[in-house]
Every structure is written in C-alpha cells, then in structure tokens.
Amino acid sequence: MKATIWHNPACGTSRKTLAILENLSRVDVTVIEYLKTPPSVEKLAQLYRDAGITPQAGLRLRGTDAAERGLPGADDATVLAAMVANPILIERPLVETEKGARLCRPQDKVLEIL
C-alpha cells in the first residue's frame, strides 16, 4: 500500500503518525514537508473532500493568525487560498492512501485508511 503524508517534522503528532506508517512493512511512504512544498488548492480541496471534512476543519488555529484573519468563518475558496499562500495554516498531518485521506489528530486516525 502507498501512503503520502503531508508532514511537519517539528510537530510531535506528525512525527508519531509518520512512525506508525514507517513501522508497517506493507506501507510505502512518501513524505512531503508541506511547509517547504505546499499542496495546490486543488490537491488540498481533494484531501479534505476525501477526509470528509471542510477546509475550515483543516485550518490550524493554534500558533497562527487564522482567527484574527476571520478564516474560521470564511468560505472554502478563501480558506484554501490562505492555506496555500501560508502553509502554516494547514493543520497536520494529512495522510492519503487508496482508502481515503485523514487529518490524523490524534495520530491513530491514520489506522482508518490503512
């Protein structure tokens, strides 16, 4: 099985999720450090759609200015554009497999798509 993780190595939850993936021999993991290589608006929209959540639910509030910018109440296009322009606004980690996508908070949510 192939899995892609949009990863922030400074985040404990992201590191724990990556460790789960790497410890499963049946998973071929691709790691994308999304702060260096953010997903496109289209990819981010697809990940949230596949995870069954809204872009607002995937918005990182802690440690960002998202609330001050009014992003939690903004429309999807505005939130997605802000995330791509400033990827620190993307809550992490996001993981995608052929079974779907998940925002893996807590990290055990990744097991739902393995």
N, C-alpha and C. Protein backbone atom coordinates (compact mmCIF):
# COMPACT_ATOMS: atom_id res chain seq x y z
N MET A 1 0.84 -1.18 0.00
CA MET A 1 0.00 0.00 0.00
C MET A 1 0.88 1.24 0.00
N LYS A 2 0.46 2.24 -0.76
CA LYS A 2 1.17 3.51 -0.80
C LYS A 2 0.44 4.51 0.11
N ALA A 3 1.23 5.32 0.81
CA ALA A 3 0.68 6.38 1.66
C ALA A 3 1.51 7.63 1.46
N THR A 4 0.83 8.77 1.43
CA THR A 4 1.51 10.06 1.36
C THR A 4 1.13 10.83 2.62
N ILE A 5 2.15 11.36 3.28
CA ILE A 5 1.92 12.16 4.48
C ILE A 5 2.42 13.58 4.22
N TRP A 6 1.56 14.55 4.48
CA TRP A 6 1.96 15.96 4.47
C TRP A 6 2.40 16.23 5.89
N HIS A 7 3.70 16.39 6.06
CA HIS A 7 4.38 16.25 7.33
C HIS A 7 5.10 17.54 7.74
N ASN A 8 5.11 17.77 9.06
CA ASN A 8 5.92 18.83 9.65
C ASN A 8 6.81 18.15 10.69
N PRO A 9 8.11 18.05 10.43
CA PRO A 9 8.99 17.34 11.36
C PRO A 9 9.07 17.98 12.75
N ALA A 10 8.65 19.23 12.89
CA ALA A 10 8.67 19.90 14.20
C ALA A 10 7.44 19.56 15.04
N CYS A 11 6.48 18.85 14.46
CA CYS A 11 5.21 18.53 15.14
C CYS A 11 5.25 17.11 15.69
N GLY A 12 5.01 16.96 16.98
CA GLY A 12 5.01 15.65 17.61
C GLY A 12 3.97 14.71 17.04
N THR A 13 2.76 15.19 16.80
CA THR A 13 1.70 14.33 16.24
C THR A 13 2.08 13.88 14.83
N SER A 14 2.67 14.77 14.07
CA SER A 14 3.10 14.41 12.73
C SER A 14 4.21 13.36 12.78
N ARG A 15 5.16 13.52 13.68
CA ARG A 15 6.23 12.52 13.83
C ARG A 15 5.67 11.17 14.26
N LYS A 16 4.71 11.17 15.18
CA LYS A 16 4.11 9.91 15.65
C LYS A 16 3.34 9.22 14.53
N THR A 17 2.64 10.00 13.71
CA THR A 17 1.90 9.43 12.59
C THR A 17 2.86 8.83 11.58
N LEU A 18 3.93 9.54 11.28
CA LEU A 18 4.93 9.02 10.35
C LEU A 18 5.55 7.73 10.90
N ALA A 19 5.80 7.67 12.19
CA ALA A 19 6.36 6.45 12.80
C ALA A 19 5.41 5.27 12.63
N ILE A 20 4.12 5.49 12.78
CA ILE A 20 3.14 4.41 12.56
C ILE A 20 3.26 3.90 11.13
N LEU A 21 3.32 4.82 10.18
CA LEU A 21 3.42 4.42 8.77
C LEU A 21 4.72 3.69 8.48
N GLU A 22 5.82 4.19 9.01
CA GLU A 22 7.12 3.58 8.73
C GLU A 22 7.28 2.22 9.40
N ASN A 23 6.57 1.97 10.48
CA ASN A 23 6.68 0.70 11.19
C ASN A 23 5.83 -0.41 10.57
N LEU A 24 5.05 -0.08 9.57
CA LEU A 24 4.24 -1.09 8.89
C LEU A 24 4.93 -1.46 7.59
N SER A 25 5.42 -2.66 7.50
CA SER A 25 6.20 -3.07 6.33
C SER A 25 5.38 -3.05 5.04
N ARG A 26 4.07 -3.12 5.15
CA ARG A 26 3.25 -3.16 3.95
C ARG A 26 2.96 -1.76 3.39
N VAL A 27 3.48 -0.71 4.03
CA VAL A 27 3.20 0.66 3.60
C VAL A 27 4.45 1.29 2.99
N ASP A 28 4.31 1.76 1.76
CA ASP A 28 5.36 2.51 1.06
C ASP A 28 5.02 3.99 1.25
N VAL A 29 5.83 4.70 2.05
CA VAL A 29 5.50 6.06 2.48
C VAL A 29 6.24 7.11 1.66
N THR A 30 5.48 8.09 1.19
CA THR A 30 6.04 9.29 0.59
C THR A 30 5.83 10.41 1.58
N VAL A 31 6.90 11.12 1.92
CA VAL A 31 6.83 12.21 2.89
C VAL A 31 6.97 13.54 2.15
N ILE A 32 6.00 14.41 2.36
CA ILE A 32 6.06 15.76 1.79
C ILE A 32 6.06 16.74 2.95
N GLU A 33 7.14 17.49 3.06
CA GLU A 33 7.18 18.54 4.09
C GLU A 33 6.41 19.73 3.54
N TYR A 34 5.14 19.83 3.94
CA TYR A 34 4.22 20.77 3.32
C TYR A 34 4.60 22.24 3.56
N LEU A 35 5.41 22.53 4.58
CA LEU A 35 5.85 23.92 4.77
C LEU A 35 6.83 24.34 3.67
N LYS A 36 7.57 23.36 3.12
CA LYS A 36 8.51 23.61 2.03
C LYS A 36 7.84 23.45 0.67
N THR A 37 6.92 22.47 0.59
CA THR A 37 6.24 22.15 -0.66
C THR A 37 4.74 22.04 -0.39
N PRO A 38 4.05 23.18 -0.33
CA PRO A 38 2.62 23.12 -0.01
C PRO A 38 1.82 22.48 -1.15
N PRO A 39 0.73 21.83 -0.80
CA PRO A 39 -0.14 21.28 -1.84
C PRO A 39 -0.83 22.42 -2.59
N SER A 40 -1.29 22.12 -3.79
CA SER A 40 -2.07 23.10 -4.55
C SER A 40 -3.45 23.25 -3.93
N VAL A 41 -4.15 24.29 -4.33
CA VAL A 41 -5.53 24.48 -3.86
C VAL A 41 -6.36 23.25 -4.22
N GLU A 42 -6.18 22.76 -5.46
CA GLU A 42 -6.96 21.60 -5.91
C GLU A 42 -6.66 20.36 -5.08
N LYS A 43 -5.38 20.12 -4.80
CA LYS A 43 -5.00 18.94 -4.02
C LYS A 43 -5.53 19.05 -2.60
N LEU A 44 -5.40 20.21 -2.00
CA LEU A 44 -5.88 20.41 -0.63
C LEU A 44 -7.40 20.22 -0.56
N ALA A 45 -8.12 20.76 -1.53
CA ALA A 45 -9.58 20.59 -1.57
C ALA A 45 -9.94 19.11 -1.70
N GLN A 46 -9.19 18.39 -2.54
CA GLN A 46 -9.44 16.96 -2.73
C GLN A 46 -9.15 16.18 -1.44
N LEU A 47 -8.06 16.51 -0.75
CA LEU A 47 -7.73 15.82 0.50
C LEU A 47 -8.84 16.01 1.54
N TYR A 48 -9.31 17.24 1.69
CA TYR A 48 -10.38 17.50 2.67
C TYR A 48 -11.68 16.81 2.27
N ARG A 49 -11.98 16.83 0.97
CA ARG A 49 -13.19 16.15 0.48
C ARG A 49 -13.09 14.65 0.79
N ASP A 50 -11.92 14.05 0.48
CA ASP A 50 -11.73 12.61 0.72
C ASP A 50 -11.72 12.28 2.22
N ALA A 51 -11.33 13.24 3.05
CA ALA A 51 -11.32 13.03 4.50
C ALA A 51 -12.70 13.29 5.11
N GLY A 52 -13.61 13.85 4.31
CA GLY A 52 -14.96 14.13 4.81
C GLY A 52 -15.02 15.33 5.74
N ILE A 53 -14.09 16.27 5.56
CA ILE A 53 -14.09 17.47 6.39
C ILE A 53 -14.06 18.72 5.51
N THR A 54 -14.39 19.84 6.09
CA THR A 54 -14.33 21.11 5.38
C THR A 54 -12.92 21.69 5.49
N PRO A 55 -12.57 22.60 4.59
CA PRO A 55 -11.30 23.29 4.76
C PRO A 55 -11.19 23.99 6.11
N GLN A 56 -12.29 24.52 6.60
CA GLN A 56 -12.27 25.18 7.91
C GLN A 56 -11.89 24.20 9.02
N ALA A 57 -12.31 22.95 8.90
CA ALA A 57 -11.97 21.92 9.90
C ALA A 57 -10.50 21.54 9.80
N GLY A 58 -9.88 21.81 8.66
CA GLY A 58 -8.47 21.53 8.48
C GLY A 58 -7.57 22.72 8.73
N LEU A 59 -8.15 23.78 9.25
CA LEU A 59 -7.42 25.02 9.50
C LEU A 59 -6.72 24.97 10.85
N ARG A 60 -5.44 25.27 10.85
CA ARG A 60 -4.68 25.30 12.10
C ARG A 60 -4.92 26.65 12.77
N LEU A 61 -5.47 26.62 13.97
CA LEU A 61 -5.74 27.84 14.72
C LEU A 61 -4.63 28.15 15.71
N ARG A 62 -4.13 27.10 16.38
CA ARG A 62 -3.10 27.30 17.41
C ARG A 62 -1.79 27.76 16.78
N GLY A 63 -1.26 28.84 17.29
CA GLY A 63 0.01 29.33 16.80
C GLY A 63 -0.05 30.06 15.47
N THR A 64 -1.25 30.40 15.02
CA THR A 64 -1.40 31.13 13.76
C THR A 64 -2.30 32.34 13.98
N ASP A 65 -2.42 33.14 12.94
CA ASP A 65 -3.31 34.30 12.99
C ASP A 65 -4.63 34.03 12.27
N ALA A 66 -4.99 32.76 12.11
CA ALA A 66 -6.18 32.38 11.35
C ALA A 66 -7.45 33.03 11.92
N ALA A 67 -7.61 33.01 13.23
CA ALA A 67 -8.82 33.59 13.84
C ALA A 67 -8.86 35.10 13.62
N GLU A 68 -7.72 35.76 13.80
CA GLU A 68 -7.67 37.21 13.61
C GLU A 68 -7.99 37.59 12.17
N ARG A 69 -7.66 36.72 11.25
CA ARG A 69 -7.93 36.97 9.83
C ARG A 69 -9.35 36.59 9.43
N GLY A 70 -10.12 36.05 10.38
CA GLY A 70 -11.50 35.68 10.09
C GLY A 70 -11.64 34.41 9.27
N LEU A 71 -10.61 33.60 9.22
CA LEU A 71 -10.64 32.41 8.37
C LEU A 71 -11.59 31.32 8.84
N PRO A 72 -11.80 31.12 10.15
CA PRO A 72 -12.74 30.05 10.54
C PRO A 72 -14.15 30.24 9.98
N GLY A 73 -14.55 31.47 9.71
CA GLY A 73 -15.88 31.73 9.17
C GLY A 73 -15.89 32.06 7.69
N ALA A 74 -14.73 31.98 7.06
CA ALA A 74 -14.62 32.33 5.64
C ALA A 74 -15.09 31.18 4.76
N ASP A 75 -15.33 31.49 3.48
CA ASP A 75 -15.75 30.45 2.54
C ASP A 75 -14.55 29.55 2.19
N ASP A 76 -14.86 28.40 1.62
CA ASP A 76 -13.84 27.39 1.31
C ASP A 76 -12.71 27.96 0.45
N ALA A 77 -13.05 28.69 -0.60
CA ALA A 77 -12.03 29.20 -1.52
C ALA A 77 -11.06 30.13 -0.80
N THR A 78 -11.57 30.97 0.09
CA THR A 78 -10.72 31.90 0.84
C THR A 78 -9.79 31.15 1.77
N VAL A 79 -10.33 30.15 2.46
CA VAL A 79 -9.52 29.36 3.39
C VAL A 79 -8.43 28.59 2.64
N LEU A 80 -8.80 27.95 1.55
CA LEU A 80 -7.83 27.17 0.78
C LEU A 80 -6.72 28.07 0.21
N ALA A 81 -7.10 29.23 -0.31
CA ALA A 81 -6.10 30.16 -0.85
C ALA A 81 -5.15 30.63 0.24
N ALA A 82 -5.69 30.91 1.42
CA ALA A 82 -4.84 31.33 2.55
C ALA A 82 -3.88 30.23 2.96
N MET A 83 -4.36 28.97 2.97
CA MET A 83 -3.52 27.84 3.35
C MET A 83 -2.36 27.64 2.37
N VAL A 84 -2.66 27.75 1.10
CA VAL A 84 -1.61 27.54 0.09
C VAL A 84 -0.59 28.68 0.15
N ALA A 85 -1.07 29.92 0.37
CA ALA A 85 -0.17 31.07 0.46
C ALA A 85 0.65 31.05 1.74
N ASN A 86 0.08 30.50 2.81
CA ASN A 86 0.74 30.47 4.12
C ASN A 86 0.50 29.08 4.73
N PRO A 87 1.29 28.07 4.33
CA PRO A 87 1.00 26.68 4.70
C PRO A 87 1.03 26.38 6.20
N ILE A 88 1.54 27.29 7.02
CA ILE A 88 1.47 27.08 8.48
C ILE A 88 0.01 27.00 8.93
N LEU A 89 -0.91 27.49 8.09
CA LEU A 89 -2.34 27.44 8.40
C LEU A 89 -2.95 26.05 8.20
N ILE A 90 -2.21 25.13 7.60
CA ILE A 90 -2.71 23.77 7.36
C ILE A 90 -2.47 22.94 8.62
N GLU A 91 -3.55 22.42 9.19
CA GLU A 91 -3.42 21.52 10.34
C GLU A 91 -2.78 20.23 9.84
N ARG A 92 -1.94 19.65 10.66
CA ARG A 92 -1.19 18.46 10.25
C ARG A 92 -1.32 17.37 11.28
N PRO A 93 -0.97 16.17 10.80
CA PRO A 93 -0.59 15.75 9.47
C PRO A 93 -1.80 15.26 8.67
N LEU A 94 -1.72 15.44 7.38
CA LEU A 94 -2.69 14.86 6.46
C LEU A 94 -2.05 13.63 5.85
N VAL A 95 -2.81 12.54 5.77
CA VAL A 95 -2.31 11.30 5.16
C VAL A 95 -3.33 10.84 4.14
N GLU A 96 -2.82 10.39 2.99
CA GLU A 96 -3.67 9.88 1.91
C GLU A 96 -3.20 8.49 1.51
N THR A 97 -4.15 7.57 1.37
CA THR A 97 -3.90 6.24 0.81
C THR A 97 -5.01 5.98 -0.21
N GLU A 98 -4.97 4.82 -0.84
CA GLU A 98 -6.05 4.49 -1.77
C GLU A 98 -7.40 4.31 -1.06
N LYS A 99 -7.38 4.19 0.26
CA LYS A 99 -8.62 4.05 1.04
C LYS A 99 -9.20 5.40 1.47
N GLY A 100 -8.49 6.49 1.17
CA GLY A 100 -9.01 7.81 1.53
C GLY A 100 -7.95 8.69 2.13
N ALA A 101 -8.40 9.73 2.79
CA ALA A 101 -7.50 10.69 3.44
C ALA A 101 -8.00 10.95 4.85
N ARG A 102 -7.08 11.34 5.71
CA ARG A 102 -7.43 11.68 7.10
C ARG A 102 -6.53 12.80 7.58
N LEU A 103 -7.12 13.67 8.38
CA LEU A 103 -6.36 14.59 9.21
C LEU A 103 -6.09 13.80 10.47
N CYS A 104 -4.86 13.42 10.69
CA CYS A 104 -4.51 12.44 11.73
C CYS A 104 -4.22 13.09 13.08
N ARG A 105 -5.26 13.64 13.66
CA ARG A 105 -5.22 14.18 15.01
C ARG A 105 -6.38 13.54 15.76
N PRO A 106 -6.14 12.59 16.61
CA PRO A 106 -4.85 12.05 17.03
C PRO A 106 -4.25 11.13 15.96
N GLN A 107 -3.01 10.76 16.16
CA GLN A 107 -2.26 10.01 15.16
C GLN A 107 -2.89 8.65 14.81
N ASP A 108 -3.64 8.07 15.73
CA ASP A 108 -4.26 6.76 15.48
C ASP A 108 -5.33 6.82 14.38
N LYS A 109 -5.79 8.00 14.00
CA LYS A 109 -6.76 8.13 12.90
C LYS A 109 -6.20 7.58 11.59
N VAL A 110 -4.87 7.53 11.49
CA VAL A 110 -4.27 7.01 10.25
C VAL A 110 -4.65 5.54 10.05
N LEU A 111 -4.91 4.82 11.11
CA LEU A 111 -5.26 3.40 11.01
C LEU A 111 -6.56 3.19 10.25
N GLU A 112 -7.42 4.20 10.19
CA GLU A 112 -8.70 4.10 9.48
C GLU A 112 -8.51 3.94 7.97
N ILE A 113 -7.37 4.34 7.44
CA ILE A 113 -7.16 4.30 5.99
C ILE A 113 -6.01 3.37 5.59
N LEU A 114 -5.63 2.49 6.49
CA LEU A 114 -4.56 1.53 6.19
C LEU A 114 -5.14 0.14 5.98
